[in-house]
PDB file of all heavy atoms in Angstrom:
ATOM      1  N   SER A   1       0.838  -1.195   0.000  1.00  0.00           N
ATOM      2  CA  SER A   1       0.000   0.000   0.000  1.00  0.00           C
ATOM      3  C   SER A   1       0.873   1.245   0.000  1.00  0.00           C
ATOM      4  O   SER A   1       2.016   1.223   0.452  1.00  0.00           O
ATOM      5  CB  SER A   1      -0.929   0.022   1.220  1.00  0.00           C
ATOM      6  OG  SER A   1      -0.183   0.050   2.417  1.00  0.00           O
ATOM      7  N   VAL A   2       0.322   2.328  -0.544  1.00  0.00           N
ATOM      8  CA  VAL A   2       1.038   3.594  -0.671  1.00  0.00           C
ATOM      9  C   VAL A   2       0.101   4.728  -0.298  1.00  0.00           C
ATOM     10  O   VAL A   2      -1.081   4.699  -0.617  1.00  0.00           O
ATOM     11  CB  VAL A   2       1.551   3.809  -2.116  1.00  0.00           C
ATOM     12  CG1 VAL A   2       2.257   5.158  -2.241  1.00  0.00           C
ATOM     13  CG2 VAL A   2       2.488   2.696  -2.537  1.00  0.00           C
ATOM     14  N   TRP A   3       0.619   5.732   0.397  1.00  0.00           N
ATOM     15  CA  TRP A   3      -0.119   6.955   0.671  1.00  0.00           C
ATOM     16  C   TRP A   3       0.519   8.099  -0.101  1.00  0.00           C
ATOM     17  O   TRP A   3       1.736   8.211  -0.154  1.00  0.00           O
ATOM     18  CB  TRP A   3      -0.074   7.286   2.167  1.00  0.00           C
ATOM     19  CG  TRP A   3      -0.714   6.226   3.000  1.00  0.00           C
ATOM     20  CD1 TRP A   3      -2.027   6.101   3.328  1.00  0.00           C
ATOM     21  CD2 TRP A   3      -0.040   5.127   3.621  1.00  0.00           C
ATOM     22  NE1 TRP A   3      -2.220   4.999   4.114  1.00  0.00           N
ATOM     23  CE2 TRP A   3      -1.019   4.375   4.310  1.00  0.00           C
ATOM     24  CE3 TRP A   3       1.276   4.680   3.658  1.00  0.00           C
ATOM     25  CZ2 TRP A   3      -0.715   3.225   5.031  1.00  0.00           C
ATOM     26  CZ3 TRP A   3       1.596   3.539   4.368  1.00  0.00           C
ATOM     27  CH2 TRP A   3       0.600   2.824   5.044  1.00  0.00           C
ATOM     28  N   ASN A   4      -0.309   8.944  -0.667  1.00  0.00           N
ATOM     29  CA  ASN A   4       0.138  10.109  -1.430  1.00  0.00           C
ATOM     30  C   ASN A   4       0.661   9.726  -2.800  1.00  0.00           C
ATOM     31  O   ASN A   4       1.480  10.420  -3.380  1.00  0.00           O
ATOM     32  CB  ASN A   4       1.219  10.901  -0.670  1.00  0.00           C
ATOM     33  CG  ASN A   4       1.420  12.291  -1.264  1.00  0.00           C
ATOM     34  OD1 ASN A   4       0.479  12.906  -1.728  1.00  0.00           O
ATOM     35  ND2 ASN A   4       2.645  12.762  -1.260  1.00  0.00           N
ATOM     36  N   GLY A   5       0.182   8.612  -3.359  1.00  0.00           N
ATOM     37  CA  GLY A   5       0.643   8.243  -4.682  1.00  0.00           C
ATOM     38  C   GLY A   5      -0.171   7.118  -5.275  1.00  0.00           C
ATOM     39  O   GLY A   5      -1.040   6.535  -4.637  1.00  0.00           O
ATOM     40  N   VAL A   6       0.108   6.813  -6.521  1.00  0.00           N
ATOM     41  CA  VAL A   6      -0.512   5.709  -7.232  1.00  0.00           C
ATOM     42  C   VAL A   6       0.555   4.665  -7.502  1.00  0.00           C
ATOM     43  O   VAL A   6       1.646   4.982  -7.987  1.00  0.00           O
ATOM     44  CB  VAL A   6      -1.144   6.186  -8.558  1.00  0.00           C
ATOM     45  CG1 VAL A   6      -1.530   4.999  -9.425  1.00  0.00           C
ATOM     46  CG2 VAL A   6      -2.376   7.034  -8.276  1.00  0.00           C
ATOM     47  N   LEU A   7       0.249   3.414  -7.178  1.00  0.00           N
ATOM     48  CA  LEU A   7       1.205   2.319  -7.316  1.00  0.00           C
ATOM     49  C   LEU A   7       0.987   1.611  -8.644  1.00  0.00           C
ATOM     50  O   LEU A   7      -0.119   1.226  -8.987  1.00  0.00           O
ATOM     51  CB  LEU A   7       1.007   1.326  -6.164  1.00  0.00           C
ATOM     52  CG  LEU A   7       1.902   0.092  -6.113  1.00  0.00           C
ATOM     53  CD1 LEU A   7       3.337   0.514  -5.864  1.00  0.00           C
ATOM     54  CD2 LEU A   7       1.419  -0.836  -5.020  1.00  0.00           C
ATOM     55  N   SER A   8       2.075   1.443  -9.398  1.00  0.00           N
ATOM     56  CA  SER A   8       2.008   0.723 -10.657  1.00  0.00           C
ATOM     57  C   SER A   8       3.333   0.004 -10.856  1.00  0.00           C
ATOM     58  O   SER A   8       4.146  -0.085  -9.939  1.00  0.00           O
ATOM     59  CB  SER A   8       1.693   1.667 -11.831  1.00  0.00           C
ATOM     60  OG  SER A   8       2.721   2.639 -11.965  1.00  0.00           O
ATOM     61  N   ALA A   9       3.566  -0.535 -12.037  1.00  0.00           N
ATOM     62  CA  ALA A   9       4.803  -1.260 -12.312  1.00  0.00           C
ATOM     63  C   ALA A   9       5.390  -0.784 -13.625  1.00  0.00           C
ATOM     64  O   ALA A   9       4.678  -0.294 -14.507  1.00  0.00           O
ATOM     65  CB  ALA A   9       4.552  -2.766 -12.370  1.00  0.00           C
ATOM     66  N   THR A  10       6.693  -0.939 -13.781  1.00  0.00           N
ATOM     67  CA  THR A  10       7.373  -0.592 -15.022  1.00  0.00           C
ATOM     68  C   THR A  10       7.644  -1.853 -15.818  1.00  0.00           C
ATOM     69  O   THR A  10       7.566  -2.975 -15.314  1.00  0.00           O
ATOM     70  CB  THR A  10       8.698   0.139 -14.756  1.00  0.00           C
ATOM     71  OG1 THR A  10       9.620  -0.777 -14.168  1.00  0.00           O
ATOM     72  CG2 THR A  10       8.489   1.319 -13.830  1.00  0.00           C
ATOM     73  N   ALA A  11       7.995  -1.671 -17.074  1.00  0.00           N
ATOM     74  CA  ALA A  11       8.220  -2.805 -17.957  1.00  0.00           C
ATOM     75  C   ALA A  11       9.396  -3.668 -17.518  1.00  0.00           C
ATOM     76  O   ALA A  11       9.455  -4.856 -17.838  1.00  0.00           O
ATOM     77  CB  ALA A  11       8.438  -2.310 -19.390  1.00  0.00           C
ATOM     78  N   ASP A  12      10.332  -3.095 -16.784  1.00  0.00           N
ATOM     79  CA  ASP A  12      11.492  -3.868 -16.357  1.00  0.00           C
ATOM     80  C   ASP A  12      11.341  -4.404 -14.936  1.00  0.00           C
ATOM     81  O   ASP A  12      12.319  -4.813 -14.307  1.00  0.00           O
ATOM     82  CB  ASP A  12      12.774  -3.048 -16.485  1.00  0.00           C
ATOM     83  CG  ASP A  12      12.734  -1.756 -15.686  1.00  0.00           C
ATOM     84  OD1 ASP A  12      11.690  -1.478 -15.063  1.00  0.00           O
ATOM     85  OD2 ASP A  12      13.741  -1.028 -15.685  1.00  0.00           O
ATOM     86  N   GLY A  13      10.118  -4.408 -14.391  1.00  0.00           N
ATOM     87  CA  GLY A  13       9.867  -5.050 -13.113  1.00  0.00           C
ATOM     88  C   GLY A  13      10.021  -4.173 -11.891  1.00  0.00           C
ATOM     89  O   GLY A  13       9.869  -4.652 -10.769  1.00  0.00           O
ATOM     90  N   ARG A  14      10.320  -2.900 -12.073  1.00  0.00           N
ATOM     91  CA  ARG A  14      10.447  -2.016 -10.924  1.00  0.00           C
ATOM     92  C   ARG A  14       9.074  -1.551 -10.438  1.00  0.00           C
ATOM     93  O   ARG A  14       8.092  -1.625 -11.162  1.00  0.00           O
ATOM     94  CB  ARG A  14      11.292  -0.799 -11.290  1.00  0.00           C
ATOM     95  CG  ARG A  14      12.747  -1.121 -11.606  1.00  0.00           C
ATOM     96  CD  ARG A  14      13.518   0.138 -11.964  1.00  0.00           C
ATOM     97  NE  ARG A  14      12.956   0.785 -13.149  1.00  0.00           N
ATOM     98  CZ  ARG A  14      13.191   2.046 -13.493  1.00  0.00           C
ATOM     99  NH1 ARG A  14      13.946   2.807 -12.728  1.00  0.00           N
ATOM    100  NH2 ARG A  14      12.666   2.547 -14.592  1.00  0.00           N
ATOM    101  N   ILE A  15       9.039  -1.075  -9.200  1.00  0.00           N
ATOM    102  CA  ILE A  15       7.831  -0.451  -8.656  1.00  0.00           C
ATOM    103  C   ILE A  15       7.852   1.029  -9.012  1.00  0.00           C
ATOM    104  O   ILE A  15       8.888   1.697  -8.919  1.00  0.00           O
ATOM    105  CB  ILE A  15       7.760  -0.629  -7.134  1.00  0.00           C
ATOM    106  CG1 ILE A  15       7.388  -2.079  -6.804  1.00  0.00           C
ATOM    107  CG2 ILE A  15       6.748   0.324  -6.511  1.00  0.00           C
ATOM    108  CD1 ILE A  15       7.376  -2.361  -5.330  1.00  0.00           C
ATOM    109  N   LYS A  16       6.710   1.537  -9.409  1.00  0.00           N
ATOM    110  CA  LYS A  16       6.581   2.950  -9.735  1.00  0.00           C
ATOM    111  C   LYS A  16       5.507   3.567  -8.853  1.00  0.00           C
ATOM    112  O   LYS A  16       4.438   2.983  -8.676  1.00  0.00           O
ATOM    113  CB  LYS A  16       6.217   3.136 -11.204  1.00  0.00           C
ATOM    114  CG  LYS A  16       5.967   4.595 -11.617  1.00  0.00           C
ATOM    115  CD  LYS A  16       5.428   4.668 -13.029  1.00  0.00           C
ATOM    116  CE  LYS A  16       5.044   6.085 -13.407  1.00  0.00           C
ATOM    117  NZ  LYS A  16       4.380   6.150 -14.718  1.00  0.00           N
ATOM    118  N   VAL A  17       5.796   4.704  -8.283  1.00  0.00           N
ATOM    119  CA  VAL A  17       4.812   5.468  -7.520  1.00  0.00           C
ATOM    120  C   VAL A  17       4.739   6.864  -8.123  1.00  0.00           C
ATOM    121  O   VAL A  17       5.763   7.524  -8.291  1.00  0.00           O
ATOM    122  CB  VAL A  17       5.177   5.543  -6.028  1.00  0.00           C
ATOM    123  CG1 VAL A  17       4.186   6.429  -5.285  1.00  0.00           C
ATOM    124  CG2 VAL A  17       5.205   4.153  -5.418  1.00  0.00           C
ATOM    125  N   ALA A  18       3.527   7.287  -8.446  1.00  0.00           N
ATOM    126  CA  ALA A  18       3.331   8.590  -9.074  1.00  0.00           C
ATOM    127  C   ALA A  18       2.328   9.401  -8.280  1.00  0.00           C
ATOM    128  O   ALA A  18       1.433   8.849  -7.635  1.00  0.00           O
ATOM    129  CB  ALA A  18       2.847   8.424 -10.513  1.00  0.00           C
ATOM    130  N   ASN A  19       2.466  10.694  -8.332  1.00  0.00           N
ATOM    131  CA  ASN A  19       1.461  11.580  -7.758  1.00  0.00           C
ATOM    132  C   ASN A  19       0.113  11.252  -8.391  1.00  0.00           C
ATOM    133  O   ASN A  19      -0.001  11.110  -9.606  1.00  0.00           O
ATOM    134  CB  ASN A  19       1.852  13.026  -8.056  1.00  0.00           C
ATOM    135  CG  ASN A  19       0.869  14.008  -7.476  1.00  0.00           C
ATOM    136  OD1 ASN A  19      -0.118  14.311  -8.117  1.00  0.00           O
ATOM    137  ND2 ASN A  19       1.149  14.496  -6.293  1.00  0.00           N
ATOM    138  N   ALA A  20      -0.922  11.077  -7.568  1.00  0.00           N
ATOM    139  CA  ALA A  20      -2.181  10.518  -8.052  1.00  0.00           C
ATOM    140  C   ALA A  20      -2.846  11.368  -9.134  1.00  0.00           C
ATOM    141  O   ALA A  20      -3.327  10.853 -10.132  1.00  0.00           O
ATOM    142  CB  ALA A  20      -3.139  10.304  -6.892  1.00  0.00           C
ATOM    143  N   ASP A  21      -2.894  12.667  -8.921  1.00  0.00           N
ATOM    144  CA  ASP A  21      -3.619  13.497  -9.879  1.00  0.00           C
ATOM    145  C   ASP A  21      -2.689  14.392 -10.696  1.00  0.00           C
ATOM    146  O   ASP A  21      -3.142  15.188 -11.505  1.00  0.00           O
ATOM    147  CB  ASP A  21      -4.652  14.368  -9.162  1.00  0.00           C
ATOM    148  CG  ASP A  21      -4.036  15.223  -8.069  1.00  0.00           C
ATOM    149  OD1 ASP A  21      -2.796  15.232  -7.944  1.00  0.00           O
ATOM    150  OD2 ASP A  21      -4.803  15.877  -7.334  1.00  0.00           O
ATOM    151  N   TYR A  22      -1.363  14.254 -10.471  1.00  0.00           N
ATOM    152  CA  TYR A  22      -0.349  15.021 -11.186  1.00  0.00           C
ATOM    153  C   TYR A  22      -0.527  16.533 -11.026  1.00  0.00           C
ATOM    154  O   TYR A  22      -0.073  17.312 -11.852  1.00  0.00           O
ATOM    155  CB  TYR A  22      -0.310  14.644 -12.672  1.00  0.00           C
ATOM    156  CG  TYR A  22      -0.098  13.185 -12.907  1.00  0.00           C
ATOM    157  CD1 TYR A  22      -1.057  12.412 -13.542  1.00  0.00           C
ATOM    158  CD2 TYR A  22       1.062  12.560 -12.446  1.00  0.00           C
ATOM    159  CE1 TYR A  22      -0.874  11.053 -13.738  1.00  0.00           C
ATOM    160  CE2 TYR A  22       1.247  11.201 -12.630  1.00  0.00           C
ATOM    161  CZ  TYR A  22       0.281  10.450 -13.279  1.00  0.00           C
ATOM    162  OH  TYR A  22       0.463   9.114 -13.463  1.00  0.00           O
ATOM    163  N   ASN A  23      -1.184  16.943  -9.959  1.00  0.00           N
ATOM    164  CA  ASN A  23      -1.350  18.370  -9.688  1.00  0.00           C
ATOM    165  C   ASN A  23      -0.666  18.794  -8.401  1.00  0.00           C
ATOM    166  O   ASN A  23      -0.883  19.890  -7.913  1.00  0.00           O
ATOM    167  CB  ASN A  23      -2.839  18.726  -9.614  1.00  0.00           C
ATOM    168  CG  ASN A  23      -3.520  18.634 -10.963  1.00  0.00           C
ATOM    169  OD1 ASN A  23      -2.930  19.027 -11.966  1.00  0.00           O
ATOM    170  ND2 ASN A  23      -4.724  18.097 -10.996  1.00  0.00           N
ATOM    171  N   ARG A  24       0.128  17.897  -7.818  1.00  0.00           N
ATOM    172  CA  ARG A  24       0.843  18.213  -6.586  1.00  0.00           C
ATOM    173  C   ARG A  24       2.138  18.919  -6.962  1.00  0.00           C
ATOM    174  O   ARG A  24       3.169  18.304  -7.167  1.00  0.00           O
ATOM    175  CB  ARG A  24       1.134  16.937  -5.811  1.00  0.00           C
ATOM    176  CG  ARG A  24       1.716  17.170  -4.429  1.00  0.00           C
ATOM    177  CD  ARG A  24       0.641  17.550  -3.441  1.00  0.00           C
ATOM    178  NE  ARG A  24      -0.307  16.457  -3.263  1.00  0.00           N
ATOM    179  CZ  ARG A  24      -1.393  16.521  -2.532  1.00  0.00           C
ATOM    180  NH1 ARG A  24      -1.692  17.645  -1.911  1.00  0.00           N
ATOM    181  NH2 ARG A  24      -2.212  15.495  -2.422  1.00  0.00           N
ATOM    182  N   VAL A  25       2.097  20.215  -7.094  1.00  0.00           N
ATOM    183  CA  VAL A  25       3.251  20.986  -7.542  1.00  0.00           C
ATOM    184  C   VAL A  25       4.294  21.050  -6.426  1.00  0.00           C
ATOM    185  O   VAL A  25       3.971  21.362  -5.280  1.00  0.00           O
ATOM    186  CB  VAL A  25       2.831  22.404  -7.968  1.00  0.00           C
ATOM    187  CG1 VAL A  25       4.051  23.220  -8.375  1.00  0.00           C
ATOM    188  CG2 VAL A  25       1.825  22.327  -9.109  1.00  0.00           C
ATOM    189  N   ILE A  26       5.543  20.756  -6.760  1.00  0.00           N
ATOM    190  CA  ILE A  26       6.647  20.869  -5.803  1.00  0.00           C
ATOM    191  C   ILE A  26       7.449  22.109  -6.175  1.00  0.00           C
ATOM    192  O   ILE A  26       8.021  22.191  -7.268  1.00  0.00           O
ATOM    193  CB  ILE A  26       7.549  19.620  -5.812  1.00  0.00           C
ATOM    194  CG1 ILE A  26       6.720  18.353  -5.580  1.00  0.00           C
ATOM    195  CG2 ILE A  26       8.629  19.742  -4.747  1.00  0.00           C
ATOM    196  CD1 ILE A  26       7.534  17.065  -5.615  1.00  0.00           C
ATOM    197  N   ALA A  27       7.476  23.075  -5.293  1.00  0.00           N
ATOM    198  CA  ALA A  27       8.192  24.322  -5.552  1.00  0.00           C
ATOM    199  C   ALA A  27       9.692  24.075  -5.602  1.00  0.00           C
ATOM    200  O   ALA A  27      10.194  23.080  -5.070  1.00  0.00           O
ATOM    201  CB  ALA A  27       7.860  25.346  -4.469  1.00  0.00           C
ATOM    202  N   PRO A  28      10.454  24.964  -6.246  1.00  0.00           N
ATOM    203  CA  PRO A  28      11.906  24.813  -6.260  1.00  0.00           C
ATOM    204  C   PRO A  28      12.479  24.728  -4.849  1.00  0.00           C
ATOM    205  O   PRO A  28      12.023  25.429  -3.936  1.00  0.00           O
ATOM    206  CB  PRO A  28      12.384  26.088  -6.978  1.00  0.00           C
ATOM    207  CG  PRO A  28      11.225  26.479  -7.843  1.00  0.00           C
ATOM    208  CD  PRO A  28      10.007  26.130  -7.044  1.00  0.00           C
ATOM    209  N   ASP A  29      13.462  23.845  -4.656  1.00  0.00           N
ATOM    210  CA  ASP A  29      14.144  23.655  -3.378  1.00  0.00           C
ATOM    211  C   ASP A  29      13.182  23.239  -2.268  1.00  0.00           C
ATOM    212  O   ASP A  29      13.321  23.649  -1.119  1.00  0.00           O
ATOM    213  CB  ASP A  29      14.911  24.909  -2.978  1.00  0.00           C
ATOM    214  CG  ASP A  29      16.042  24.584  -1.996  1.00  0.00           C
ATOM    215  OD1 ASP A  29      16.566  23.461  -2.068  1.00  0.00           O
ATOM    216  OD2 ASP A  29      16.374  25.437  -1.164  1.00  0.00           O
ATOM    217  N   SER A  30      12.175  22.440  -2.612  1.00  0.00           N
ATOM    218  CA  SER A  30      11.277  21.877  -1.619  1.00  0.00           C
ATOM    219  C   SER A  30      10.954  20.447  -2.015  1.00  0.00           C
ATOM    220  O   SER A  30      11.463  19.937  -3.014  1.00  0.00           O
ATOM    221  CB  SER A  30      10.001  22.714  -1.472  1.00  0.00           C
ATOM    222  OG  SER A  30       9.272  22.711  -2.680  1.00  0.00           O
ATOM    223  N   SER A  31      10.109  19.771  -1.223  1.00  0.00           N
ATOM    224  CA  SER A  31       9.886  18.353  -1.463  1.00  0.00           C
ATOM    225  C   SER A  31       8.532  17.915  -0.928  1.00  0.00           C
ATOM    226  O   SER A  31       7.895  18.631  -0.148  1.00  0.00           O
ATOM    227  CB  SER A  31      10.993  17.533  -0.787  1.00  0.00           C
ATOM    228  OG  SER A  31      10.937  17.686   0.627  1.00  0.00           O
ATOM    229  N   VAL A  32       8.091  16.738  -1.355  1.00  0.00           N
ATOM    230  CA  VAL A  32       6.948  16.054  -0.771  1.00  0.00           C
ATOM    231  C   VAL A  32       7.378  14.633  -0.433  1.00  0.00           C
ATOM    232  O   VAL A  32       8.312  14.098  -1.037  1.00  0.00           O
ATOM    233  CB  VAL A  32       5.722  16.030  -1.705  1.00  0.00           C
ATOM    234  CG1 VAL A  32       5.231  17.431  -1.994  1.00  0.00           C
ATOM    235  CG2 VAL A  32       6.039  15.281  -2.995  1.00  0.00           C
ATOM    236  N   THR A  33       6.695  14.030   0.542  1.00  0.00           N
ATOM    237  CA  THR A  33       7.052  12.691   0.993  1.00  0.00           C
ATOM    238  C   THR A  33       5.823  11.797   0.973  1.00  0.00           C
ATOM    239  O   THR A  33       4.753  12.200   1.423  1.00  0.00           O
ATOM    240  CB  THR A  33       7.631  12.736   2.417  1.00  0.00           C
ATOM    241  OG1 THR A  33       8.786  13.572   2.424  1.00  0.00           O
ATOM    242  CG2 THR A  33       8.022  11.341   2.884  1.00  0.00           C
ATOM    243  N   PHE A  34       5.972  10.593   0.423  1.00  0.00           N
ATOM    244  CA  PHE A  34       4.896   9.621   0.513  1.00  0.00           C
ATOM    245  C   PHE A  34       5.393   8.423   1.315  1.00  0.00           C
ATOM    246  O   PHE A  34       6.592   8.156   1.402  1.00  0.00           O
ATOM    247  CB  PHE A  34       4.384   9.191  -0.865  1.00  0.00           C
ATOM    248  CG  PHE A  34       5.368   8.430  -1.715  1.00  0.00           C
ATOM    249  CD1 PHE A  34       5.559   7.062  -1.532  1.00  0.00           C
ATOM    250  CD2 PHE A  34       6.073   9.064  -2.721  1.00  0.00           C
ATOM    251  CE1 PHE A  34       6.449   6.353  -2.319  1.00  0.00           C
ATOM    252  CE2 PHE A  34       6.977   8.365  -3.513  1.00  0.00           C
ATOM    253  CZ  PHE A  34       7.161   7.006  -3.302  1.00  0.00           C
ATOM    254  N   GLY A  35       4.453   7.706   1.919  1.00  0.00           N
ATOM    255  CA  GLY A  35       4.790   6.541   2.713  1.00  0.00           C
ATOM    256  C   GLY A  35       4.200   5.279   2.118  1.00  0.00           C
ATOM    257  O   GLY A  35       3.294   5.341   1.280  1.00  0.00           O
ATOM    258  N   PHE A  36       4.688   4.121   2.545  1.00  0.00           N
ATOM    259  CA  PHE A  36       4.166   2.854   2.052  1.00  0.00           C
ATOM    260  C   PHE A  36       4.398   1.769   3.088  1.00  0.00           C
ATOM    261  O   PHE A  36       5.231   1.908   3.988  1.00  0.00           O
ATOM    262  CB  PHE A  36       4.831   2.469   0.726  1.00  0.00           C
ATOM    263  CG  PHE A  36       6.314   2.236   0.816  1.00  0.00           C
ATOM    264  CD1 PHE A  36       6.821   0.969   1.104  1.00  0.00           C
ATOM    265  CD2 PHE A  36       7.201   3.275   0.607  1.00  0.00           C
ATOM    266  CE1 PHE A  36       8.184   0.758   1.189  1.00  0.00           C
ATOM    267  CE2 PHE A  36       8.575   3.072   0.695  1.00  0.00           C
ATOM    268  CZ  PHE A  36       9.063   1.809   0.987  1.00  0.00           C
ATOM    269  N   THR A  37       3.654   0.690   2.962  1.00  0.00           N
ATOM    270  CA  THR A  37       3.903  -0.507   3.755  1.00  0.00           C
ATOM    271  C   THR A  37       4.272  -1.636   2.811  1.00  0.00           C
ATOM    272  O   THR A  37       3.911  -1.623   1.625  1.00  0.00           O
ATOM    273  CB  THR A  37       2.672  -0.911   4.583  1.00  0.00           C
ATOM    274  OG1 THR A  37       1.568  -1.118   3.699  1.00  0.00           O
ATOM    275  CG2 THR A  37       2.326   0.151   5.594  1.00  0.00           C
ATOM    276  N   ALA A  38       4.997  -2.621   3.323  1.00  0.00           N
ATOM    277  CA  ALA A  38       5.447  -3.729   2.493  1.00  0.00           C
ATOM    278  C   ALA A  38       5.537  -4.994   3.324  1.00  0.00           C
ATOM    279  O   ALA A  38       5.796  -4.945   4.537  1.00  0.00           O
ATOM    280  CB  ALA A  38       6.803  -3.419   1.866  1.00  0.00           C
ATOM    281  N   THR A  39       5.296  -6.114   2.690  1.00  0.00           N
ATOM    282  CA  THR A  39       5.606  -7.410   3.289  1.00  0.00           C
ATOM    283  C   THR A  39       6.990  -7.809   2.818  1.00  0.00           C
ATOM    284  O   THR A  39       7.395  -7.481   1.700  1.00  0.00           O
ATOM    285  CB  THR A  39       4.582  -8.473   2.872  1.00  0.00           C
ATOM    286  OG1 THR A  39       4.582  -8.590   1.446  1.00  0.00           O
ATOM    287  CG2 THR A  39       3.192  -8.099   3.351  1.00  0.00           C
ATOM    288  N   SER A  40       7.748  -8.497   3.673  1.00  0.00           N
ATOM    289  CA  SER A  40       9.120  -8.825   3.307  1.00  0.00           C
ATOM    290  C   SER A  40       9.571 -10.085   4.027  1.00  0.00           C
ATOM    291  O   SER A  40       9.463 -10.193   5.244  1.00  0.00           O
ATOM    292  CB  SER A  40      10.067  -7.670   3.644  1.00  0.00           C
ATOM    293  OG  SER A  40      11.390  -7.989   3.288  1.00  0.00           O
TER     294      SER A  40
END
């Protein structure tokens, strides 16, 4: 599970997380953080 993003996969088997609506603007010299849980 992921918070603050959409979980998908890439063609080479990696995990991809994207901003859900692509409207979360990150200003210069700033950041956003998303969290996730995993089984391992």
